[in-house]
PDB file of N, CA and C in Angstrom:
ATOM      1  N   MET A   1       2.990   2.972 -11.341  1.00  0.00           N
ATOM      2  CA  MET A   1       3.308   1.609 -10.947  1.00  0.00           C
ATOM      3  C   MET A   1       2.287   1.123  -9.926  1.00  0.00           C
ATOM      4  N   LYS A   2       1.736  -0.036 -10.169  1.00  0.00           N
ATOM      5  CA  LYS A   2       0.736  -0.610  -9.283  1.00  0.00           C
ATOM      6  C   LYS A   2       1.419  -1.368  -8.143  1.00  0.00           C
ATOM      7  N   THR A   3       0.989  -1.116  -6.936  1.00  0.00           N
ATOM      8  CA  THR A   3       1.512  -1.817  -5.774  1.00  0.00           C
ATOM      9  C   THR A   3       0.436  -2.768  -5.272  1.00  0.00           C
ATOM     10  N   SER A   4       0.791  -4.026  -5.090  1.00  0.00           N
ATOM     11  CA  SER A   4      -0.175  -4.994  -4.589  1.00  0.00           C
ATOM     12  C   SER A   4       0.301  -5.558  -3.261  1.00  0.00           C
ATOM     13  N   LEU A   5      -0.650  -5.747  -2.370  1.00  0.00           N
ATOM     14  CA  LEU A   5      -0.353  -6.297  -1.057  1.00  0.00           C
ATOM     15  C   LEU A   5      -0.666  -7.782  -1.044  1.00  0.00           C
ATOM     16  N   LEU A   6       0.164  -8.526  -0.328  1.00  0.00           N
ATOM     17  CA  LEU A   6      -0.038  -9.955  -0.170  1.00  0.00           C
ATOM     18  C   LEU A   6      -0.437 -10.228   1.265  1.00  0.00           C
ATOM     19  N   ASN A   7      -1.600 -10.839   1.456  1.00  0.00           N
ATOM     20  CA  ASN A   7      -2.083 -11.196   2.785  1.00  0.00           C
ATOM     21  C   ASN A   7      -1.236 -12.350   3.303  1.00  0.00           C
ATOM     22  N   ILE A   8      -0.572 -12.139   4.449  1.00  0.00           N
ATOM     23  CA  ILE A   8       0.273 -13.198   5.024  1.00  0.00           C
ATOM     24  C   ILE A   8      -0.353 -13.778   6.286  1.00  0.00           C
ATOM     25  N   GLY A   9      -1.630 -13.443   6.510  1.00  0.00           N
ATOM     26  CA  GLY A   9      -2.376 -14.025   7.620  1.00  0.00           C
ATOM     27  C   GLY A   9      -2.582 -13.089   8.785  1.00  0.00           C
ATOM     28  N   PHE A  10      -3.738 -13.266   9.429  1.00  0.00           N
ATOM     29  CA  PHE A  10      -4.091 -12.567  10.657  1.00  0.00           C
ATOM     30  C   PHE A  10      -4.063 -11.049  10.504  1.00  0.00           C
ATOM     31  N   GLY A  11      -4.531 -10.569   9.344  1.00  0.00           N
ATOM     32  CA  GLY A  11      -4.624  -9.137   9.104  1.00  0.00           C
ATOM     33  C   GLY A  11      -3.312  -8.469   8.725  1.00  0.00           C
ATOM     34  N   ASN A  12      -2.289  -9.234   8.458  1.00  0.00           N
ATOM     35  CA  ASN A  12      -0.989  -8.685   8.065  1.00  0.00           C
ATOM     36  C   ASN A  12      -0.802  -8.803   6.563  1.00  0.00           C
ATOM     37  N   ALA A  13      -0.093  -7.835   6.001  1.00  0.00           N
ATOM     38  CA  ALA A  13       0.178  -7.851   4.563  1.00  0.00           C
ATOM     39  C   ALA A  13       1.561  -7.277   4.310  1.00  0.00           C
ATOM     40  N   VAL A  14       2.155  -7.710   3.198  1.00  0.00           N
ATOM     41  CA  VAL A  14       3.439  -7.169   2.746  1.00  0.00           C
ATOM     42  C   VAL A  14       3.282  -6.778   1.278  1.00  0.00           C
ATOM     43  N   VAL A  15       4.153  -5.901   0.815  1.00  0.00           N
ATOM     44  CA  VAL A  15       4.126  -5.499  -0.588  1.00  0.00           C
ATOM     45  C   VAL A  15       4.685  -6.655  -1.418  1.00  0.00           C
ATOM     46  N   ALA A  16       3.862  -7.191  -2.299  1.00  0.00           N
ATOM     47  CA  ALA A  16       4.223  -8.391  -3.058  1.00  0.00           C
ATOM     48  C   ALA A  16       5.466  -8.183  -3.906  1.00  0.00           C
ATOM     49  N   GLU A  17       5.621  -7.017  -4.499  1.00  0.00           N
ATOM     50  CA  GLU A  17       6.764  -6.755  -5.377  1.00  0.00           C
ATOM     51  C   GLU A  17       8.101  -6.732  -4.638  1.00  0.00           C
ATOM     52  N   ARG A  18       8.071  -6.635  -3.331  1.00  0.00           N
ATOM     53  CA  ARG A  18       9.315  -6.555  -2.558  1.00  0.00           C
ATOM     54  C   ARG A  18       9.754  -7.900  -1.985  1.00  0.00           C
ATOM     55  N   ILE A  19       8.988  -8.948  -2.234  1.00  0.00           N
ATOM     56  CA  ILE A  19       9.330 -10.284  -1.740  1.00  0.00           C
ATOM     57  C   ILE A  19      10.383 -10.910  -2.647  1.00  0.00           C
ATOM     58  N   ILE A  20      11.452 -11.394  -2.027  1.00  0.00           N
ATOM     59  CA  ILE A  20      12.503 -12.091  -2.762  1.00  0.00           C
ATOM     60  C   ILE A  20      12.240 -13.595  -2.759  1.00  0.00           C
ATOM     61  N   ALA A  21      11.896 -14.140  -1.578  1.00  0.00           N
ATOM     62  CA  ALA A  21      11.692 -15.584  -1.467  1.00  0.00           C
ATOM     63  C   ALA A  21      10.813 -15.907  -0.274  1.00  0.00           C
ATOM     64  N   VAL A  22      10.209 -17.091  -0.327  1.00  0.00           N
ATOM     65  CA  VAL A  22       9.452 -17.647   0.797  1.00  0.00           C
ATOM     66  C   VAL A  22      10.056 -19.011   1.066  1.00  0.00           C
ATOM     67  N   ILE A  23      10.548 -19.227   2.299  1.00  0.00           N
ATOM     68  CA  ILE A  23      11.207 -20.488   2.643  1.00  0.00           C
ATOM     69  C   ILE A  23      10.623 -21.053   3.931  1.00  0.00           C
ATOM     70  N   THR A  24      10.958 -22.308   4.205  1.00  0.00           N
ATOM     71  CA  THR A  24      10.509 -22.946   5.439  1.00  0.00           C
ATOM     72  C   THR A  24      11.466 -22.595   6.583  1.00  0.00           C
ATOM     73  N   PRO A  25      10.953 -22.463   7.789  1.00  0.00           N
ATOM     74  CA  PRO A  25      11.813 -22.101   8.918  1.00  0.00           C
ATOM     75  C   PRO A  25      12.688 -23.241   9.413  1.00  0.00           C
ATOM     76  N   SER A  26      12.404 -24.460   8.992  1.00  0.00           N
ATOM     77  CA  SER A  26      13.183 -25.599   9.488  1.00  0.00           C
ATOM     78  C   SER A  26      14.507 -25.786   8.748  1.00  0.00           C
ATOM     79  N   SER A  27      14.683 -25.102   7.631  1.00  0.00           N
ATOM     80  CA  SER A  27      15.944 -25.241   6.890  1.00  0.00           C
ATOM     81  C   SER A  27      17.076 -24.541   7.652  1.00  0.00           C
ATOM     82  N   ALA A  28      18.274 -24.999   7.446  1.00  0.00           N
ATOM     83  CA  ALA A  28      19.431 -24.407   8.134  1.00  0.00           C
ATOM     84  C   ALA A  28      19.598 -22.940   7.754  1.00  0.00           C
ATOM     85  N   SER A  29      19.420 -22.644   6.476  1.00  0.00           N
ATOM     86  CA  SER A  29      19.556 -21.243   6.050  1.00  0.00           C
ATOM     87  C   SER A  29      18.447 -20.384   6.629  1.00  0.00           C
ATOM     88  N   GLY A  30      17.246 -20.946   6.777  1.00  0.00           N
ATOM     89  CA  GLY A  30      16.140 -20.203   7.376  1.00  0.00           C
ATOM     90  C   GLY A  30      16.420 -19.847   8.825  1.00  0.00           C
ATOM     91  N   LYS A  31      16.960 -20.793   9.562  1.00  0.00           N
ATOM     92  CA  LYS A  31      17.298 -20.540  10.967  1.00  0.00           C
ATOM     93  C   LYS A  31      18.390 -19.476  11.079  1.00  0.00           C
ATOM     94  N   ARG A  32      19.395 -19.565  10.210  1.00  0.00           N
ATOM     95  CA  ARG A  32      20.483 -18.587  10.229  1.00  0.00           C
ATOM     96  C   ARG A  32      19.975 -17.189   9.869  1.00  0.00           C
ATOM     97  N   LEU A  33      19.146 -17.098   8.835  1.00  0.00           N
ATOM     98  CA  LEU A  33      18.588 -15.799   8.434  1.00  0.00           C
ATOM     99  C   LEU A  33      17.756 -15.186   9.554  1.00  0.00           C
ATOM    100  N   LYS A  34      16.961 -16.013  10.210  1.00  0.00           N
ATOM    101  CA  LYS A  34      16.118 -15.533  11.305  1.00  0.00           C
ATOM    102  C   LYS A  34      16.971 -15.003  12.458  1.00  0.00           C
ATOM    103  N   ASP A  35      18.013 -15.730  12.814  1.00  0.00           N
ATOM    104  CA  ASP A  35      18.890 -15.300  13.911  1.00  0.00           C
ATOM    105  C   ASP A  35      19.630 -14.007  13.565  1.00  0.00           C
ATOM    106  N   GLU A  36      20.124 -13.917  12.326  1.00  0.00           N
ATOM    107  CA  GLU A  36      20.836 -12.700  11.907  1.00  0.00           C
ATOM    108  C   GLU A  36      19.900 -11.495  11.872  1.00  0.00           C
ATOM    109  N   ALA A  37      18.685 -11.705  11.395  1.00  0.00           N
ATOM    110  CA  ALA A  37      17.709 -10.604  11.347  1.00  0.00           C
ATOM    111  C   ALA A  37      17.348 -10.133  12.748  1.00  0.00           C
ATOM    112  N   ARG A  38      17.222 -11.076  13.675  1.00  0.00           N
ATOM    113  CA  ARG A  38      16.909 -10.708  15.065  1.00  0.00           C
ATOM    114  C   ARG A  38      18.040  -9.863  15.650  1.00  0.00           C
ATOM    115  N   GLU A  39      19.289 -10.251  15.403  1.00  0.00           N
ATOM    116  CA  GLU A  39      20.441  -9.505  15.913  1.00  0.00           C
ATOM    117  C   GLU A  39      20.513  -8.100  15.332  1.00  0.00           C
ATOM    118  N   ASN A  40      20.096  -7.932  14.073  1.00  0.00           N
ATOM    119  CA  ASN A  40      20.179  -6.637  13.385  1.00  0.00           C
ATOM    120  C   ASN A  40      18.874  -5.844  13.431  1.00  0.00           C
ATOM    121  N   ASN A  41      17.935  -6.278  14.258  1.00  0.00           N
ATOM    122  CA  ASN A  41      16.624  -5.620  14.388  1.00  0.00           C
ATOM    123  C   ASN A  41      15.900  -5.516  13.054  1.00  0.00           C
ATOM    124  N   LEU A  42      15.974  -6.564  12.242  1.00  0.00           N
ATOM    125  CA  LEU A  42      15.290  -6.604  10.959  1.00  0.00           C
ATOM    126  C   LEU A  42      14.246  -7.717  10.904  1.00  0.00           C
ATOM    127  N   LEU A  43      13.917  -8.292  12.064  1.00  0.00           N
ATOM    128  CA  LEU A  43      12.961  -9.394  12.130  1.00  0.00           C
ATOM    129  C   LEU A  43      11.574  -8.855  12.449  1.00  0.00           C
ATOM    130  N   ILE A  44      10.589  -9.262  11.651  1.00  0.00           N
ATOM    131  CA  ILE A  44       9.200  -8.871  11.870  1.00  0.00           C
ATOM    132  C   ILE A  44       8.409 -10.154  12.097  1.00  0.00           C
ATOM    133  N   ASP A  45       7.815 -10.269  13.281  1.00  0.00           N
ATOM    134  CA  ASP A  45       7.049 -11.461  13.634  1.00  0.00           C
ATOM    135  C   ASP A  45       5.563 -11.186  13.408  1.00  0.00           C
ATOM    136  N   ALA A  46       4.995 -11.783  12.366  1.00  0.00           N
ATOM    137  CA  ALA A  46       3.584 -11.602  12.044  1.00  0.00           C
ATOM    138  C   ALA A  46       2.785 -12.864  12.351  1.00  0.00           C
ATOM    139  N   THR A  47       3.276 -13.679  13.297  1.00  0.00           N
ATOM    140  CA  THR A  47       2.617 -14.945  13.615  1.00  0.00           C
ATOM    141  C   THR A  47       1.550 -14.801  14.696  1.00  0.00           C
ATOM    142  N   HIS A  48       1.564 -13.718  15.431  1.00  0.00           N
ATOM    143  CA  HIS A  48       0.617 -13.500  16.539  1.00  0.00           C
ATOM    144  C   HIS A  48       0.666 -14.648  17.537  1.00  0.00           C
ATOM    145  N   GLY A  49       1.874 -15.107  17.842  1.00  0.00           N
ATOM    146  CA  GLY A  49       2.062 -16.149  18.845  1.00  0.00           C
ATOM    147  C   GLY A  49       1.869 -17.564  18.342  1.00  0.00           C
ATOM    148  N   ARG A  50       1.573 -17.728  17.089  1.00  0.00           N
ATOM    149  CA  ARG A  50       1.397 -19.055  16.523  1.00  0.00           C
ATOM    150  C   ARG A  50       2.736 -19.582  16.002  1.00  0.00           C
ATOM    151  N   LYS A  51       2.741 -20.855  15.625  1.00  0.00           N
ATOM    152  CA  LYS A  51       3.964 -21.480  15.122  1.00  0.00           C
ATOM    153  C   LYS A  51       4.387 -20.835  13.801  1.00  0.00           C
ATOM    154  N   THR A  52       5.677 -20.555  13.671  1.00  0.00           N
ATOM    155  CA  THR A  52       6.210 -20.013  12.426  1.00  0.00           C
ATOM    156  C   THR A  52       6.260 -21.127  11.395  1.00  0.00           C
ATOM    157  N   ARG A  53       5.554 -20.928  10.282  1.00  0.00           N
ATOM    158  CA  ARG A  53       5.494 -21.939   9.234  1.00  0.00           C
ATOM    159  C   ARG A  53       6.208 -21.497   7.957  1.00  0.00           C
ATOM    160  N   SER A  54       6.484 -20.192   7.840  1.00  0.00           N
ATOM    161  CA  SER A  54       7.226 -19.721   6.672  1.00  0.00           C
ATOM    162  C   SER A  54       7.999 -18.456   7.016  1.00  0.00           C
ATOM    163  N   ILE A  55       9.068 -18.263   6.275  1.00  0.00           N
ATOM    164  CA  ILE A  55       9.913 -17.082   6.406  1.00  0.00           C
ATOM    165  C   ILE A  55       9.884 -16.364   5.072  1.00  0.00           C
ATOM    166  N   ILE A  56       9.538 -15.083   5.114  1.00  0.00           N
ATOM    167  CA  ILE A  56       9.471 -14.267   3.912  1.00  0.00           C
ATOM    168  C   ILE A  56      10.689 -13.358   3.905  1.00  0.00           C
ATOM    169  N   ILE A  57      11.462 -13.434   2.833  1.00  0.00           N
ATOM    170  CA  ILE A  57      12.665 -12.623   2.698  1.00  0.00           C
ATOM    171  C   ILE A  57      12.321 -11.433   1.808  1.00  0.00           C
ATOM    172  N   MET A  58      12.527 -10.233   2.335  1.00  0.00           N
ATOM    173  CA  MET A  58      12.180  -9.009   1.617  1.00  0.00           C
ATOM    174  C   MET A  58      13.433  -8.376   1.013  1.00  0.00           C
ATOM    175  N   ASP A  59      13.256  -7.529   0.010  1.00  0.00           N
ATOM    176  CA  ASP A  59      14.397  -6.877  -0.637  1.00  0.00           C
ATOM    177  C   ASP A  59      15.060  -5.823   0.241  1.00  0.00           C
ATOM    178  N   SER A  60      14.438  -5.467   1.346  1.00  0.00           N
ATOM    179  CA  SER A  60      14.995  -4.484   2.281  1.00  0.00           C
ATOM    180  C   SER A  60      15.830  -5.151   3.373  1.00  0.00           C
ATOM    181  N   ASN A  61      16.094  -6.464   3.226  1.00  0.00           N
ATOM    182  CA  ASN A  61      16.806  -7.290   4.208  1.00  0.00           C
ATOM    183  C   ASN A  61      15.969  -7.614   5.434  1.00  0.00           C
ATOM    184  N   HIS A  62      14.696  -7.223   5.443  1.00  0.00           N
ATOM    185  CA  HIS A  62      13.808  -7.611   6.531  1.00  0.00           C
ATOM    186  C   HIS A  62      13.387  -9.062   6.328  1.00  0.00           C
ATOM    187  N   ILE A  63      13.208  -9.745   7.448  1.00  0.00           N
ATOM    188  CA  ILE A  63      12.732 -11.115   7.457  1.00  0.00           C
ATOM    189  C   ILE A  63      11.387 -11.102   8.177  1.00  0.00           C
ATOM    190  N   VAL A  64      10.351 -11.598   7.496  1.00  0.00           N
ATOM    191  CA  VAL A  64       9.007 -11.600   8.060  1.00  0.00           C
ATOM    192  C   VAL A  64       8.621 -13.047   8.362  1.00  0.00           C
ATOM    193  N   LEU A  65       8.189 -13.293   9.598  1.00  0.00           N
ATOM    194  CA  LEU A  65       7.741 -14.622  10.002  1.00  0.00           C
ATOM    195  C   LEU A  65       6.235 -14.700   9.848  1.00  0.00           C
ATOM    196  N   SER A  66       5.752 -15.779   9.262  1.00  0.00           N
ATOM    197  CA  SER A  66       4.319 -15.954   9.054  1.00  0.00           C
ATOM    198  C   SER A  66       3.886 -17.316   9.567  1.00  0.00           C
ATOM    199  N   ALA A  67       2.635 -17.407  10.014  1.00  0.00           N
ATOM    200  CA  ALA A  67       2.076 -18.673  10.485  1.00  0.00           C
ATOM    201  C   ALA A  67       1.424 -19.454   9.352  1.00  0.00           C
ATOM    202  N   MET A  68       1.496 -18.931   8.145  1.00  0.00           N
ATOM    203  CA  MET A  68       0.913 -19.617   6.992  1.00  0.00           C
ATOM    204  C   MET A  68       1.955 -20.506   6.321  1.00  0.00           C
ATOM    205  N   GLN A  69       1.494 -21.574   5.690  1.00  0.00           N
ATOM    206  CA  GLN A  69       2.387 -22.494   4.994  1.00  0.00           C
ATOM    207  C   GLN A  69       3.050 -21.792   3.802  1.00  0.00           C
ATOM    208  N   PRO A  70       4.306 -22.108   3.501  1.00  0.00           N
ATOM    209  CA  PRO A  70       4.981 -21.496   2.351  1.00  0.00           C
ATOM    210  C   PRO A  70       4.239 -21.735   1.030  1.00  0.00           C
ATOM    211  N   GLU A  71       3.640 -22.908   0.874  1.00  0.00           N
ATOM    212  CA  GLU A  71       2.900 -23.216  -0.350  1.00  0.00           C
ATOM    213  C   GLU A  71       1.711 -22.279  -0.517  1.00  0.00           C
ATOM    214  N   THR A  72       1.009 -21.995   0.574  1.00  0.00           N
ATOM    215  CA  THR A  72      -0.135 -21.092   0.536  1.00  0.00           C
ATOM    216  C   THR A  72       0.301 -19.700   0.132  1.00  0.00           C
ATOM    217  N   LEU A  73       1.381 -19.218   0.737  1.00  0.00           N
ATOM    218  CA  LEU A  73       1.878 -17.887   0.402  1.00  0.00           C
ATOM    219  C   LEU A  73       2.360 -17.824  -1.043  1.00  0.00           C
ATOM    220  N   SER A  74       3.034 -18.869  -1.498  1.00  0.00           N
ATOM    221  CA  SER A  74       3.521 -18.899  -2.882  1.00  0.00           C
ATOM    222  C   SER A  74       2.354 -18.876  -3.859  1.00  0.00           C
ATOM    223  N   ASN A  75       1.313 -19.648  -3.579  1.00  0.00           N
ATOM    224  CA  ASN A  75       0.133 -19.652  -4.448  1.00  0.00           C
ATOM    225  C   ASN A  75      -0.536 -18.281  -4.472  1.00  0.00           C
ATOM    226  N   ARG A  76      -0.635 -17.644  -3.313  1.00  0.00           N
ATOM    227  CA  ARG A  76      -1.221 -16.306  -3.263  1.00  0.00           C
ATOM    228  C   ARG A  76      -0.374 -15.318  -4.051  1.00  0.00           C
ATOM    229  N   LEU A  77       0.929 -15.458  -3.956  1.00  0.00           N
ATOM    230  CA  LEU A  77       1.827 -14.560  -4.681  1.00  0.00           C
ATOM    231  C   LEU A  77       1.685 -14.762  -6.198  1.00  0.00           C
ATOM    232  N   ILE A  78       1.606 -16.011  -6.630  1.00  0.00           N
ATOM    233  CA  ILE A  78       1.430 -16.296  -8.057  1.00  0.00           C
ATOM    234  C   ILE A  78       0.097 -15.739  -8.551  1.00  0.00           C
ATOM    235  N   ASN A  79      -0.982 -15.991  -7.794  1.00  0.00           N
ATOM    236  CA  ASN A  79      -2.294 -15.490  -8.183  1.00  0.00           C
ATOM    237  C   ASN A  79      -2.330 -13.968  -8.180  1.00  0.00           C
ATOM    238  N   ASN A  80      -1.590 -13.361  -7.267  1.00  0.00           N
ATOM    239  CA  ASN A  80      -1.549 -11.902  -7.151  1.00  0.00           C
ATOM    240  C   ASN A  80      -0.869 -11.282  -8.372  1.00  0.00           C
ATOM    241  N   THR A  81       0.169 -11.934  -8.882  1.00  0.00           N
ATOM    242  CA  THR A  81       0.901 -11.378 -10.023  1.00  0.00           C
ATOM    243  C   THR A  81       0.162 -11.611 -11.331  1.00  0.00           C
ATOM    244  N   GLU A  82      -0.701 -12.631 -11.372  1.00  0.00           N
ATOM    245  CA  GLU A  82      -1.467 -12.894 -12.588  1.00  0.00           C
ATOM    246  C   GLU A  82      -2.588 -11.888 -12.795  1.00  0.00           C
ATOM    247  N   ASN A  83      -3.069 -11.297 -11.717  1.00  0.00           N
ATOM    248  CA  ASN A  83      -4.194 -10.343 -11.811  1.00  0.00           C
ATOM    249  C   ASN A  83      -3.740  -8.969 -12.216  1.00  0.00           C
TER     250      ASN A  83
END
């Protein structure tokens, strides 16, 4: 089985096959997921102090914060699966 990494910015990567969804942090569900993940020690901040622009939901219940736009990450994910 081939494992591919998705660049989520600033030298960070996640396993593309384990991503469930990419959402915006301004949505009500995004805020709730972020707060719950923080309480359960499942929040990973990959923004390096920059503004959170997308929330990546992983199949392991981890929530990854990224400073990249959700559209950019989605396009990278689509291009990654086509190759």
